[in-house]
Amino acid sequence: MIDYDKLQKSLKHLEQQFANYQLSQDRIELTDIDREAIAESVIHRFETCYDTLWKDLKRYLIEEIGLADVPNSPKPLLKLAGQNDLFASSVEQWLKYADARTSTAHDYSGEKTEETLAVVGDFIDDAIGLYQTMTGTTWE
């Protein structure tokens, strides 16, 4: 049986910090460095959640779907998951998340940060959908 606790926790933390990030734009008491720190936290939580999700997805494809030949890297794994109809959105959308994760690996500045922050909301929705598919439970 697959333990989804780490995925659930990382996804909840991402969801909460992204909501905090969205609200931070209107909070006048925050300094620019405060807003930047919140944005960096969202990016870090996205990375953690994404990494946990694709590894749990790999286990799901092996243990629940019964696939024997499962890739050990995110993009081919996402394509395989798409072929097995595990996503509500397109595989191309999931590949955008993979690109966002790769682009932020060691650079939380400027354009890359903005591009990643622009997809985090959609990622959260899609990750919740995938979590529900894999676990057979509803998101709380």
C-alpha atoms as a PDB file:
ATOM      1  CA  MET A   1       0.000   0.000   0.000  1.00  0.00           C
ATOM      2  CA  ILE A   2       1.273   3.443  -0.912  1.00  0.00           C
ATOM      3  CA  ASP A   3       1.627   5.997   1.886  1.00  0.00           C
ATOM      4  CA  TYR A   4       0.374   9.336   0.574  1.00  0.00           C
ATOM      5  CA  ASP A   5       0.897  11.265   3.823  1.00  0.00           C
ATOM      6  CA  LYS A   6       3.943  13.191   2.591  1.00  0.00           C
ATOM      7  CA  LEU A   7       2.147  14.135  -0.627  1.00  0.00           C
ATOM      8  CA  GLN A   8      -0.947  15.238   1.254  1.00  0.00           C
ATOM      9  CA  LYS A   9       1.106  17.328   3.675  1.00  0.00           C
ATOM     10  CA  SER A  10       3.237  18.954   0.972  1.00  0.00           C
ATOM     11  CA  LEU A  11       0.175  19.728  -1.151  1.00  0.00           C
ATOM     12  CA  LYS A  12      -1.675  21.274   1.801  1.00  0.00           C
ATOM     13  CA  HIS A  13       1.376  23.406   2.635  1.00  0.00           C
ATOM     14  CA  LEU A  14       1.650  24.541  -0.973  1.00  0.00           C
ATOM     15  CA  GLU A  15      -2.061  25.345  -1.098  1.00  0.00           C
ATOM     16  CA  GLN A  16      -1.839  27.402   2.114  1.00  0.00           C
ATOM     17  CA  GLN A  17       1.320  29.275   1.172  1.00  0.00           C
ATOM     18  CA  PHE A  18       0.015  30.046  -2.315  1.00  0.00           C
ATOM     19  CA  ALA A  19      -3.120  31.560  -0.733  1.00  0.00           C
ATOM     20  CA  ASN A  20      -0.817  33.573   1.546  1.00  0.00           C
ATOM     21  CA  TYR A  21       1.163  34.714  -1.499  1.00  0.00           C
ATOM     22  CA  GLN A  22      -1.987  35.851  -3.295  1.00  0.00           C
ATOM     23  CA  LEU A  23      -3.113  37.854  -0.259  1.00  0.00           C
ATOM     24  CA  SER A  24       0.351  39.315   0.327  1.00  0.00           C
ATOM     25  CA  GLN A  25       0.092  41.518  -2.740  1.00  0.00           C
ATOM     26  CA  ASP A  26      -2.552  43.654  -0.992  1.00  0.00           C
ATOM     27  CA  ARG A  27      -0.989  43.751   2.473  1.00  0.00           C
ATOM     28  CA  ILE A  28       0.584  47.199   2.805  1.00  0.00           C
ATOM     29  CA  GLU A  29       2.421  46.321   6.018  1.00  0.00           C
ATOM     30  CA  LEU A  30       4.662  43.890   4.130  1.00  0.00           C
ATOM     31  CA  THR A  31       7.974  45.048   2.735  1.00  0.00           C
ATOM     32  CA  ASP A  32       9.292  44.011  -0.656  1.00  0.00           C
ATOM     33  CA  ILE A  33      11.628  41.530   1.035  1.00  0.00           C
ATOM     34  CA  ASP A  34       8.639  40.020   2.892  1.00  0.00           C
ATOM     35  CA  ARG A  35       6.760  39.530  -0.385  1.00  0.00           C
ATOM     36  CA  GLU A  36       9.860  38.066  -2.011  1.00  0.00           C
ATOM     37  CA  ALA A  37      10.295  35.624   0.883  1.00  0.00           C
ATOM     38  CA  ILE A  38       6.681  34.502   0.572  1.00  0.00           C
ATOM     39  CA  ALA A  39       7.108  33.996  -3.185  1.00  0.00           C
ATOM     40  CA  GLU A  40      10.301  31.998  -2.584  1.00  0.00           C
ATOM     41  CA  SER A  41       8.452  29.858  -0.069  1.00  0.00           C
ATOM     42  CA  VAL A  42       5.744  29.104  -2.637  1.00  0.00           C
ATOM     43  CA  ILE A  43       8.401  28.065  -5.148  1.00  0.00           C
ATOM     44  CA  HIS A  44      10.132  25.832  -2.591  1.00  0.00           C
ATOM     45  CA  ARG A  45       6.833  24.213  -1.594  1.00  0.00           C
ATOM     46  CA  PHE A  46       5.969  23.712  -5.272  1.00  0.00           C
ATOM     47  CA  GLU A  47       9.288  21.928  -5.795  1.00  0.00           C
ATOM     48  CA  THR A  48       8.758  19.686  -2.775  1.00  0.00           C
ATOM     49  CA  CYS A  49       5.188  18.871  -3.741  1.00  0.00           C
ATOM     50  CA  TYR A  50       6.032  18.221  -7.388  1.00  0.00           C
ATOM     51  CA  ASP A  51       8.916  15.913  -6.465  1.00  0.00           C
ATOM     52  CA  THR A  52       6.793  13.990  -3.968  1.00  0.00           C
ATOM     53  CA  LEU A  53       3.910  13.735  -6.426  1.00  0.00           C
ATOM     54  CA  TRP A  54       5.855  12.254  -9.330  1.00  0.00           C
ATOM     55  CA  LYS A  55       7.517   9.697  -7.052  1.00  0.00           C
ATOM     56  CA  ASP A  56       4.153   8.634  -5.615  1.00  0.00           C
ATOM     57  CA  LEU A  57       2.771   8.538  -9.151  1.00  0.00           C
ATOM     58  CA  LYS A  58       5.562   6.148 -10.105  1.00  0.00           C
ATOM     59  CA  ARG A  59       4.628   3.848  -7.213  1.00  0.00           C
ATOM     60  CA  TYR A  60       0.969   4.084  -8.211  1.00  0.00           C
ATOM     61  CA  LEU A  61       1.696   3.058 -11.799  1.00  0.00           C
ATOM     62  CA  ILE A  62       3.676   0.051 -10.580  1.00  0.00           C
ATOM     63  CA  GLU A  63       1.621  -1.074  -7.585  1.00  0.00           C
ATOM     64  CA  GLU A  64      -1.939  -0.099  -8.527  1.00  0.00           C
ATOM     65  CA  ILE A  65      -1.959  -0.106 -12.339  1.00  0.00           C
ATOM     66  CA  GLY A  66       0.460  -3.024 -12.538  1.00  0.00           C
ATOM     67  CA  LEU A  67       2.893  -1.603 -15.063  1.00  0.00           C
ATOM     68  CA  ALA A  68       6.281  -3.281 -15.102  1.00  0.00           C
ATOM     69  CA  ASP A  69       8.320  -0.895 -17.255  1.00  0.00           C
ATOM     70  CA  VAL A  70       7.953   2.501 -15.556  1.00  0.00           C
ATOM     71  CA  PRO A  71      10.429   5.322 -16.289  1.00  0.00           C
ATOM     72  CA  ASN A  72      12.514   6.757 -13.482  1.00  0.00           C
ATOM     73  CA  SER A  73      12.287  10.402 -14.518  1.00  0.00           C
ATOM     74  CA  PRO A  74       9.360  12.811 -14.400  1.00  0.00           C
ATOM     75  CA  LYS A  75       8.590  13.681 -18.023  1.00  0.00           C
ATOM     76  CA  PRO A  76       8.412  10.119 -19.409  1.00  0.00           C
ATOM     77  CA  LEU A  77       6.507   9.108 -16.289  1.00  0.00           C
ATOM     78  CA  LEU A  78       3.980  11.906 -16.813  1.00  0.00           C
ATOM     79  CA  LYS A  79       3.494  10.826 -20.415  1.00  0.00           C
ATOM     80  CA  LEU A  80       2.845   7.261 -19.249  1.00  0.00           C
ATOM     81  CA  ALA A  81       0.358   8.489 -16.653  1.00  0.00           C
ATOM     82  CA  GLY A  82      -1.409  10.449 -19.387  1.00  0.00           C
ATOM     83  CA  GLN A  83      -1.600   7.333 -21.547  1.00  0.00           C
ATOM     84  CA  ASN A  84      -3.303   5.635 -18.602  1.00  0.00           C
ATOM     85  CA  ASP A  85      -5.870   8.461 -18.293  1.00  0.00           C
ATOM     86  CA  LEU A  86      -4.850   9.558 -14.814  1.00  0.00           C
ATOM     87  CA  PHE A  87      -5.027  13.313 -15.487  1.00  0.00           C
ATOM     88  CA  ALA A  88      -8.054  15.561 -15.780  1.00  0.00           C
ATOM     89  CA  SER A  89      -5.934  18.073 -17.703  1.00  0.00           C
ATOM     90  CA  SER A  90      -3.663  17.439 -20.661  1.00  0.00           C
ATOM     91  CA  VAL A  91      -0.261  15.789 -20.529  1.00  0.00           C
ATOM     92  CA  GLU A  92       1.093  18.996 -22.084  1.00  0.00           C
ATOM     93  CA  GLN A  93      -0.064  20.897 -18.992  1.00  0.00           C
ATOM     94  CA  TRP A  94       1.762  18.429 -16.755  1.00  0.00           C
ATOM     95  CA  LEU A  95       4.884  18.840 -18.895  1.00  0.00           C
ATOM     96  CA  LYS A  96       4.650  22.602 -18.250  1.00  0.00           C
ATOM     97  CA  TYR A  97       4.736  21.845 -14.534  1.00  0.00           C
ATOM     98  CA  ALA A  98       7.819  19.681 -15.115  1.00  0.00           C
ATOM     99  CA  ASP A  99       9.481  22.527 -17.010  1.00  0.00           C
ATOM    100  CA  ALA A 100       8.587  24.965 -14.236  1.00  0.00           C
ATOM    101  CA  ARG A 101      10.131  22.635 -11.672  1.00  0.00           C
ATOM    102  CA  THR A 102      13.317  22.279 -13.691  1.00  0.00           C
ATOM    103  CA  SER A 103      13.643  26.020 -14.306  1.00  0.00           C
ATOM    104  CA  THR A 104      13.490  26.892 -10.616  1.00  0.00           C
ATOM    105  CA  ALA A 105      16.035  24.328  -9.457  1.00  0.00           C
ATOM    106  CA  HIS A 106      18.575  26.912  -8.315  1.00  0.00           C
ATOM    107  CA  ASP A 107      17.147  30.237  -9.446  1.00  0.00           C
ATOM    108  CA  TYR A 108      14.297  31.926  -7.580  1.00  0.00           C
ATOM    109  CA  SER A 109      14.702  35.264  -9.300  1.00  0.00           C
ATOM    110  CA  GLY A 110      12.990  37.274 -11.972  1.00  0.00           C
ATOM    111  CA  GLU A 111      11.295  35.748 -14.958  1.00  0.00           C
ATOM    112  CA  LYS A 112      11.589  32.098 -13.922  1.00  0.00           C
ATOM    113  CA  THR A 113       9.918  32.823 -10.603  1.00  0.00           C
ATOM    114  CA  GLU A 114       7.092  34.704 -12.278  1.00  0.00           C
ATOM    115  CA  GLU A 115       6.546  31.898 -14.804  1.00  0.00           C
ATOM    116  CA  THR A 116       6.410  29.308 -12.036  1.00  0.00           C
ATOM    117  CA  LEU A 117       4.107  31.371  -9.834  1.00  0.00           C
ATOM    118  CA  ALA A 118       1.791  31.729 -12.839  1.00  0.00           C
ATOM    119  CA  VAL A 119       1.269  27.936 -13.036  1.00  0.00           C
ATOM    120  CA  VAL A 120       1.144  27.106  -9.322  1.00  0.00           C
ATOM    121  CA  GLY A 121      -2.620  27.648  -9.005  1.00  0.00           C
ATOM    122  CA  ASP A 122      -3.338  25.267 -11.879  1.00  0.00           C
ATOM    123  CA  PHE A 123      -0.785  22.801 -10.522  1.00  0.00           C
ATOM    124  CA  ILE A 124      -2.527  22.764  -7.151  1.00  0.00           C
ATOM    125  CA  ASP A 125      -5.887  22.012  -8.781  1.00  0.00           C
ATOM    126  CA  ASP A 126      -4.422  19.291 -10.995  1.00  0.00           C
ATOM    127  CA  ALA A 127      -2.367  17.788  -8.164  1.00  0.00           C
ATOM    128  CA  ILE A 128      -5.472  17.604  -5.969  1.00  0.00           C
ATOM    129  CA  GLY A 129      -7.295  15.835  -8.790  1.00  0.00           C
ATOM    130  CA  LEU A 130      -4.461  13.349  -9.220  1.00  0.00           C
ATOM    131  CA  TYR A 131      -4.232  12.825  -5.456  1.00  0.00           C
ATOM    132  CA  GLN A 132      -7.941  11.990  -5.397  1.00  0.00           C
ATOM    133  CA  THR A 133      -7.540   9.593  -8.325  1.00  0.00           C
ATOM    134  CA  MET A 134      -4.600   7.802  -6.734  1.00  0.00           C
ATOM    135  CA  THR A 135      -6.023   7.618  -3.210  1.00  0.00           C
ATOM    136  CA  GLY A 136      -9.707   7.176  -4.011  1.00  0.00           C
ATOM    137  CA  THR A 137     -10.493   9.849  -1.414  1.00  0.00           C
ATOM    138  CA  THR A 138     -11.773  13.404  -1.599  1.00  0.00           C
ATOM    139  CA  TRP A 139      -9.554  16.366  -0.799  1.00  0.00           C
ATOM    140  CA  GLU A 140     -10.207  18.000   2.538  1.00  0.00           C
END
